[in-house]
């Protein structure tokens, strides 16, 4: 039961994170070309976190499960990069971006810890 609760909480957290990123972009809503490039990359990587976590749940092997979790971690790290650029490029929205960036950092830590745990259990 603990694994099911952990899985469900992680899926919900990553889903809510994606919604937060989308809401942030709507608030800033700049027509600048560079903003559009950054936000397209940001939405792609942010939504990929949860999508890969959900995809991992349907895997038939532990190796595939771990690979999807790695992809999710990589997307989380990429998201942190895009959020940092957004924060530093649009300082008037720095506080809002910083809150979401903190959540991205937390997701990265959770995913990294999950992968380390899988390695310790020699599931890989």
N, C-alpha and C. Protein backbone atom coordinates (compact mmCIF):
# COMPACT_ATOMS: atom_id res chain seq x y z
N UNK A 1 0.81 -1.20 0.00
CA UNK A 1 0.00 0.00 0.00
C UNK A 1 0.85 1.27 0.00
N UNK A 2 1.98 1.22 0.68
CA UNK A 2 2.85 2.40 0.74
C UNK A 2 3.34 2.79 -0.64
N UNK A 3 3.70 1.81 -1.48
CA UNK A 3 4.16 2.11 -2.83
C UNK A 3 3.06 2.75 -3.66
N UNK A 4 1.82 2.27 -3.49
CA UNK A 4 0.70 2.84 -4.23
C UNK A 4 0.46 4.30 -3.82
N UNK A 5 0.54 4.56 -2.52
CA UNK A 5 0.35 5.94 -2.04
C UNK A 5 1.47 6.84 -2.56
N UNK A 6 2.70 6.36 -2.49
CA UNK A 6 3.85 7.12 -2.98
C UNK A 6 3.66 7.44 -4.46
N UNK A 7 3.31 6.41 -5.24
CA UNK A 7 3.11 6.57 -6.68
C UNK A 7 2.01 7.61 -6.96
N UNK A 8 0.88 7.46 -6.29
CA UNK A 8 -0.24 8.37 -6.52
C UNK A 8 0.11 9.81 -6.14
N UNK A 9 0.83 9.98 -5.05
CA UNK A 9 1.22 11.33 -4.63
C UNK A 9 2.21 11.95 -5.61
N UNK A 10 3.14 11.14 -6.11
CA UNK A 10 4.12 11.65 -7.07
C UNK A 10 3.45 12.03 -8.39
N UNK A 11 2.53 11.21 -8.84
CA UNK A 11 1.80 11.52 -10.07
C UNK A 11 1.00 12.81 -9.90
N UNK A 12 0.29 12.92 -8.79
CA UNK A 12 -0.51 14.13 -8.54
C UNK A 12 0.38 15.36 -8.41
N UNK A 13 1.50 15.22 -7.73
CA UNK A 13 2.41 16.35 -7.54
C UNK A 13 2.98 16.81 -8.88
N UNK A 14 3.37 15.88 -9.72
CA UNK A 14 3.94 16.26 -11.02
C UNK A 14 2.86 16.87 -11.92
N UNK A 15 1.64 16.38 -11.83
CA UNK A 15 0.53 16.93 -12.60
C UNK A 15 0.25 18.38 -12.16
N UNK A 16 0.17 18.58 -10.85
CA UNK A 16 -0.05 19.94 -10.34
C UNK A 16 1.10 20.87 -10.69
N UNK A 17 2.30 20.33 -10.72
CA UNK A 17 3.46 21.13 -11.14
C UNK A 17 3.28 21.61 -12.58
N UNK A 18 2.86 20.71 -13.46
CA UNK A 18 2.62 21.10 -14.86
C UNK A 18 1.58 22.20 -14.94
N UNK A 19 0.52 22.08 -14.16
CA UNK A 19 -0.52 23.12 -14.15
C UNK A 19 0.03 24.45 -13.66
N UNK A 20 0.91 24.40 -12.67
CA UNK A 20 1.53 25.63 -12.15
C UNK A 20 2.36 26.33 -13.21
N UNK A 21 3.11 25.55 -13.97
CA UNK A 21 3.94 26.12 -15.05
C UNK A 21 3.05 26.77 -16.10
N UNK A 22 1.99 26.09 -16.48
CA UNK A 22 1.06 26.63 -17.49
C UNK A 22 0.43 27.93 -16.98
N UNK A 23 0.02 27.95 -15.72
CA UNK A 23 -0.57 29.16 -15.14
C UNK A 23 0.43 30.31 -15.11
N UNK A 24 1.67 30.01 -14.76
CA UNK A 24 2.71 31.04 -14.73
C UNK A 24 2.89 31.67 -16.10
N UNK A 25 2.94 30.85 -17.11
CA UNK A 25 3.13 31.36 -18.47
C UNK A 25 1.96 32.25 -18.88
N UNK A 26 0.78 31.86 -18.49
CA UNK A 26 -0.40 32.68 -18.80
C UNK A 26 -0.35 34.04 -18.09
N UNK A 27 0.19 34.06 -16.88
CA UNK A 27 0.29 35.31 -16.12
C UNK A 27 1.28 36.26 -16.79
N UNK A 28 2.43 35.73 -17.18
CA UNK A 28 3.45 36.59 -17.80
C UNK A 28 3.01 37.01 -19.18
N UNK A 29 2.57 36.09 -19.99
CA UNK A 29 1.97 36.33 -21.30
C UNK A 29 2.67 37.42 -22.12
N UNK A 30 3.93 37.24 -22.37
CA UNK A 30 4.68 38.19 -23.18
C UNK A 30 4.63 37.78 -24.65
N UNK A 31 4.64 38.76 -25.51
CA UNK A 31 4.63 38.49 -26.95
C UNK A 31 6.05 38.46 -27.53
N UNK A 32 7.04 38.67 -26.66
CA UNK A 32 8.43 38.67 -27.13
C UNK A 32 8.81 37.30 -27.68
N UNK A 33 9.59 37.34 -28.73
CA UNK A 33 10.02 36.11 -29.40
C UNK A 33 10.79 35.19 -28.45
N UNK A 34 11.71 35.74 -27.68
CA UNK A 34 12.53 34.92 -26.78
C UNK A 34 11.67 34.29 -25.69
N UNK A 35 10.68 35.00 -25.23
CA UNK A 35 9.76 34.45 -24.22
C UNK A 35 9.03 33.23 -24.78
N UNK A 36 8.61 33.35 -26.03
CA UNK A 36 7.89 32.23 -26.65
C UNK A 36 8.79 31.00 -26.79
N UNK A 37 10.05 31.21 -27.12
CA UNK A 37 10.99 30.08 -27.23
C UNK A 37 11.19 29.42 -25.87
N UNK A 38 11.47 30.23 -24.85
CA UNK A 38 11.71 29.70 -23.51
C UNK A 38 10.48 28.96 -23.00
N UNK A 39 9.31 29.56 -23.17
CA UNK A 39 8.11 28.93 -22.61
C UNK A 39 7.71 27.66 -23.37
N UNK A 40 7.97 27.59 -24.65
CA UNK A 40 7.68 26.35 -25.38
C UNK A 40 8.54 25.22 -24.84
N UNK A 41 9.81 25.50 -24.63
CA UNK A 41 10.72 24.50 -24.08
C UNK A 41 10.33 24.14 -22.64
N UNK A 42 9.95 25.16 -21.88
CA UNK A 42 9.56 24.96 -20.49
C UNK A 42 8.32 24.07 -20.38
N UNK A 43 7.31 24.35 -21.16
CA UNK A 43 6.09 23.54 -21.11
C UNK A 43 6.39 22.11 -21.54
N UNK A 44 7.19 21.95 -22.56
CA UNK A 44 7.54 20.61 -23.04
C UNK A 44 8.24 19.81 -21.95
N UNK A 45 9.25 20.41 -21.33
CA UNK A 45 10.00 19.67 -20.31
C UNK A 45 9.20 19.48 -19.02
N UNK A 46 8.44 20.49 -18.62
CA UNK A 46 7.66 20.40 -17.37
C UNK A 46 6.58 19.33 -17.47
N UNK A 47 5.89 19.28 -18.59
CA UNK A 47 4.83 18.28 -18.73
C UNK A 47 5.40 16.88 -18.96
N UNK A 48 6.61 16.81 -19.43
CA UNK A 48 7.27 15.52 -19.65
C UNK A 48 7.58 14.81 -18.33
N UNK A 49 7.76 15.56 -17.27
CA UNK A 49 8.06 14.96 -15.97
C UNK A 49 6.95 13.99 -15.58
N UNK A 50 5.75 14.51 -15.50
CA UNK A 50 4.62 13.68 -15.10
C UNK A 50 4.28 12.62 -16.13
N UNK A 51 4.39 12.96 -17.40
CA UNK A 51 4.08 11.99 -18.44
C UNK A 51 4.97 10.76 -18.34
N UNK A 52 6.24 10.97 -18.06
CA UNK A 52 7.16 9.84 -17.93
C UNK A 52 6.92 9.04 -16.65
N UNK A 53 6.50 9.72 -15.59
CA UNK A 53 6.16 9.01 -14.36
C UNK A 53 4.95 8.11 -14.60
N UNK A 54 3.95 8.64 -15.26
CA UNK A 54 2.75 7.85 -15.57
C UNK A 54 3.11 6.70 -16.51
N UNK A 55 3.92 6.97 -17.50
CA UNK A 55 4.35 5.92 -18.43
C UNK A 55 5.10 4.81 -17.71
N UNK A 56 5.90 5.17 -16.72
CA UNK A 56 6.66 4.17 -15.95
C UNK A 56 5.73 3.18 -15.26
N UNK A 57 4.56 3.65 -14.84
CA UNK A 57 3.63 2.78 -14.11
C UNK A 57 3.13 1.62 -14.97
N UNK A 58 3.12 1.79 -16.27
CA UNK A 58 2.63 0.74 -17.15
C UNK A 58 3.70 -0.18 -17.70
N UNK A 59 4.92 0.00 -17.24
CA UNK A 59 6.02 -0.82 -17.75
C UNK A 59 5.93 -2.26 -17.26
N UNK A 60 6.35 -3.15 -18.13
CA UNK A 60 6.29 -4.56 -17.77
C UNK A 60 7.58 -5.07 -17.13
N UNK A 61 8.66 -4.28 -17.23
CA UNK A 61 9.91 -4.69 -16.59
C UNK A 61 10.43 -3.58 -15.69
N UNK A 62 11.20 -3.96 -14.72
CA UNK A 62 11.78 -2.97 -13.81
C UNK A 62 12.79 -2.08 -14.53
N UNK A 63 13.47 -2.66 -15.49
CA UNK A 63 14.44 -1.87 -16.26
C UNK A 63 13.72 -0.76 -17.02
N UNK A 64 12.61 -1.07 -17.66
CA UNK A 64 11.83 -0.04 -18.36
C UNK A 64 11.31 1.00 -17.38
N UNK A 65 10.83 0.54 -16.24
CA UNK A 65 10.34 1.46 -15.20
C UNK A 65 11.43 2.45 -14.83
N UNK A 66 12.62 1.94 -14.57
CA UNK A 66 13.74 2.79 -14.17
C UNK A 66 14.12 3.76 -15.28
N UNK A 67 14.09 3.30 -16.52
CA UNK A 67 14.42 4.18 -17.64
C UNK A 67 13.45 5.35 -17.73
N UNK A 68 12.16 5.10 -17.53
CA UNK A 68 11.19 6.19 -17.57
C UNK A 68 11.39 7.15 -16.40
N UNK A 69 11.78 6.62 -15.26
CA UNK A 69 12.06 7.50 -14.12
C UNK A 69 13.30 8.36 -14.40
N UNK A 70 14.30 7.78 -15.06
CA UNK A 70 15.46 8.57 -15.48
C UNK A 70 15.05 9.69 -16.43
N UNK A 71 14.18 9.37 -17.38
CA UNK A 71 13.71 10.40 -18.32
C UNK A 71 12.97 11.51 -17.57
N UNK A 72 12.20 11.11 -16.59
CA UNK A 72 11.48 12.10 -15.79
C UNK A 72 12.46 13.00 -15.04
N UNK A 73 13.50 12.42 -14.47
CA UNK A 73 14.52 13.21 -13.77
C UNK A 73 15.22 14.16 -14.73
N UNK A 74 15.55 13.68 -15.91
CA UNK A 74 16.22 14.54 -16.90
C UNK A 74 15.31 15.70 -17.30
N UNK A 75 14.02 15.43 -17.45
CA UNK A 75 13.07 16.49 -17.79
C UNK A 75 12.95 17.49 -16.65
N UNK A 76 12.99 17.00 -15.43
CA UNK A 76 12.93 17.89 -14.27
C UNK A 76 14.15 18.81 -14.21
N UNK A 77 15.30 18.25 -14.47
CA UNK A 77 16.52 19.07 -14.49
C UNK A 77 16.49 20.09 -15.62
N UNK A 78 16.00 19.69 -16.78
CA UNK A 78 15.87 20.63 -17.89
C UNK A 78 14.88 21.75 -17.54
N UNK A 79 13.81 21.39 -16.89
CA UNK A 79 12.80 22.37 -16.48
C UNK A 79 13.42 23.41 -15.56
N UNK A 80 14.28 22.96 -14.66
CA UNK A 80 14.95 23.89 -13.76
C UNK A 80 15.77 24.91 -14.55
N UNK A 81 16.41 24.45 -15.60
CA UNK A 81 17.20 25.36 -16.45
C UNK A 81 16.30 26.44 -17.07
N UNK A 82 15.19 26.01 -17.68
CA UNK A 82 14.30 26.96 -18.35
C UNK A 82 13.66 27.91 -17.35
N UNK A 83 13.32 27.42 -16.17
CA UNK A 83 12.76 28.30 -15.14
C UNK A 83 13.79 29.33 -14.68
N UNK A 84 15.04 28.92 -14.56
CA UNK A 84 16.10 29.87 -14.19
C UNK A 84 16.24 30.96 -15.23
N UNK A 85 16.21 30.58 -16.50
CA UNK A 85 16.28 31.59 -17.57
C UNK A 85 15.08 32.53 -17.52
N UNK A 86 13.92 31.97 -17.30
CA UNK A 86 12.70 32.79 -17.23
C UNK A 86 12.77 33.75 -16.05
N UNK A 87 13.21 33.26 -14.91
CA UNK A 87 13.33 34.10 -13.71
C UNK A 87 14.29 35.26 -13.94
N UNK A 88 15.43 34.97 -14.56
CA UNK A 88 16.44 35.99 -14.74
C UNK A 88 16.15 36.92 -15.92
N UNK A 89 15.33 36.47 -16.86
CA UNK A 89 14.98 37.30 -18.02
C UNK A 89 13.80 38.22 -17.76
N UNK A 90 12.94 37.83 -16.83
CA UNK A 90 11.74 38.60 -16.50
C UNK A 90 11.69 38.84 -15.00
N UNK A 91 12.58 39.73 -14.51
CA UNK A 91 12.73 39.91 -13.06
C UNK A 91 11.46 40.39 -12.35
N UNK A 92 10.54 40.98 -13.06
CA UNK A 92 9.32 41.44 -12.40
C UNK A 92 8.47 40.25 -11.93
N UNK A 93 8.70 39.08 -12.48
CA UNK A 93 7.98 37.86 -12.10
C UNK A 93 8.87 36.89 -11.31
N UNK A 94 9.96 37.42 -10.78
CA UNK A 94 10.97 36.59 -10.12
C UNK A 94 10.39 35.76 -8.98
N UNK A 95 9.55 36.35 -8.15
CA UNK A 95 9.01 35.62 -7.00
C UNK A 95 8.13 34.45 -7.43
N UNK A 96 7.27 34.66 -8.39
CA UNK A 96 6.39 33.59 -8.87
C UNK A 96 7.19 32.46 -9.50
N UNK A 97 8.19 32.82 -10.28
CA UNK A 97 9.03 31.80 -10.93
C UNK A 97 9.84 31.05 -9.88
N UNK A 98 10.34 31.75 -8.89
CA UNK A 98 11.16 31.13 -7.86
C UNK A 98 10.39 30.06 -7.08
N UNK A 99 9.12 30.29 -6.84
CA UNK A 99 8.28 29.31 -6.14
C UNK A 99 8.18 28.03 -6.97
N UNK A 100 7.94 28.19 -8.25
CA UNK A 100 7.81 27.02 -9.13
C UNK A 100 9.17 26.34 -9.30
N UNK A 101 10.22 27.12 -9.36
CA UNK A 101 11.57 26.55 -9.46
C UNK A 101 11.89 25.70 -8.23
N UNK A 102 11.47 26.14 -7.07
CA UNK A 102 11.69 25.36 -5.85
C UNK A 102 10.99 24.01 -5.94
N UNK A 103 9.78 23.99 -6.47
CA UNK A 103 9.06 22.72 -6.64
C UNK A 103 9.77 21.82 -7.65
N UNK A 104 10.32 22.41 -8.70
CA UNK A 104 11.08 21.61 -9.68
C UNK A 104 12.30 20.98 -9.01
N UNK A 105 12.95 21.73 -8.14
CA UNK A 105 14.10 21.20 -7.41
C UNK A 105 13.69 20.05 -6.50
N UNK A 106 12.54 20.20 -5.86
CA UNK A 106 12.03 19.12 -5.00
C UNK A 106 11.70 17.87 -5.81
N UNK A 107 11.07 18.05 -6.95
CA UNK A 107 10.77 16.90 -7.80
C UNK A 107 12.06 16.20 -8.25
N UNK A 108 13.08 16.97 -8.58
CA UNK A 108 14.36 16.38 -8.96
C UNK A 108 14.95 15.56 -7.82
N UNK A 109 14.86 16.08 -6.61
CA UNK A 109 15.37 15.35 -5.45
C UNK A 109 14.60 14.05 -5.23
N UNK A 110 13.29 14.11 -5.35
CA UNK A 110 12.46 12.92 -5.16
C UNK A 110 12.80 11.87 -6.21
N UNK A 111 12.88 12.30 -7.45
CA UNK A 111 13.17 11.36 -8.53
C UNK A 111 14.58 10.78 -8.39
N UNK A 112 15.54 11.62 -8.05
CA UNK A 112 16.90 11.14 -7.85
C UNK A 112 16.97 10.13 -6.71
N UNK A 113 16.26 10.41 -5.64
CA UNK A 113 16.22 9.50 -4.50
C UNK A 113 15.56 8.17 -4.88
N UNK A 114 14.52 8.25 -5.67
CA UNK A 114 13.84 7.04 -6.13
C UNK A 114 14.78 6.17 -6.96
N UNK A 115 15.51 6.78 -7.85
CA UNK A 115 16.44 6.04 -8.70
C UNK A 115 17.57 5.43 -7.86
N UNK A 116 18.08 6.20 -6.89
CA UNK A 116 19.12 5.66 -6.00
C UNK A 116 18.60 4.47 -5.22
N UNK A 117 17.37 4.57 -4.77
CA UNK A 117 16.77 3.47 -4.03
C UNK A 117 16.64 2.22 -4.89
N UNK A 118 16.26 2.40 -6.13
CA UNK A 118 16.16 1.27 -7.05
C UNK A 118 17.53 0.63 -7.26
N UNK A 119 18.56 1.45 -7.35
CA UNK A 119 19.93 0.92 -7.52
C UNK A 119 20.37 0.13 -6.29
N UNK A 120 20.06 0.65 -5.12
CA UNK A 120 20.45 -0.05 -3.88
C UNK A 120 19.77 -1.41 -3.77
N UNK A 121 18.58 -1.50 -4.28
CA UNK A 121 17.86 -2.76 -4.22
C UNK A 121 18.26 -3.70 -5.36
N UNK A 122 19.23 -3.23 -6.15
CA UNK A 122 19.75 -4.01 -7.29
C UNK A 122 18.65 -4.41 -8.25
N UNK A 123 17.74 -3.49 -8.44
CA UNK A 123 16.65 -3.72 -9.37
C UNK A 123 17.13 -3.47 -10.80
N UNK A 124 18.13 -2.64 -10.92
CA UNK A 124 18.65 -2.34 -12.26
C UNK A 124 19.34 -3.56 -12.75
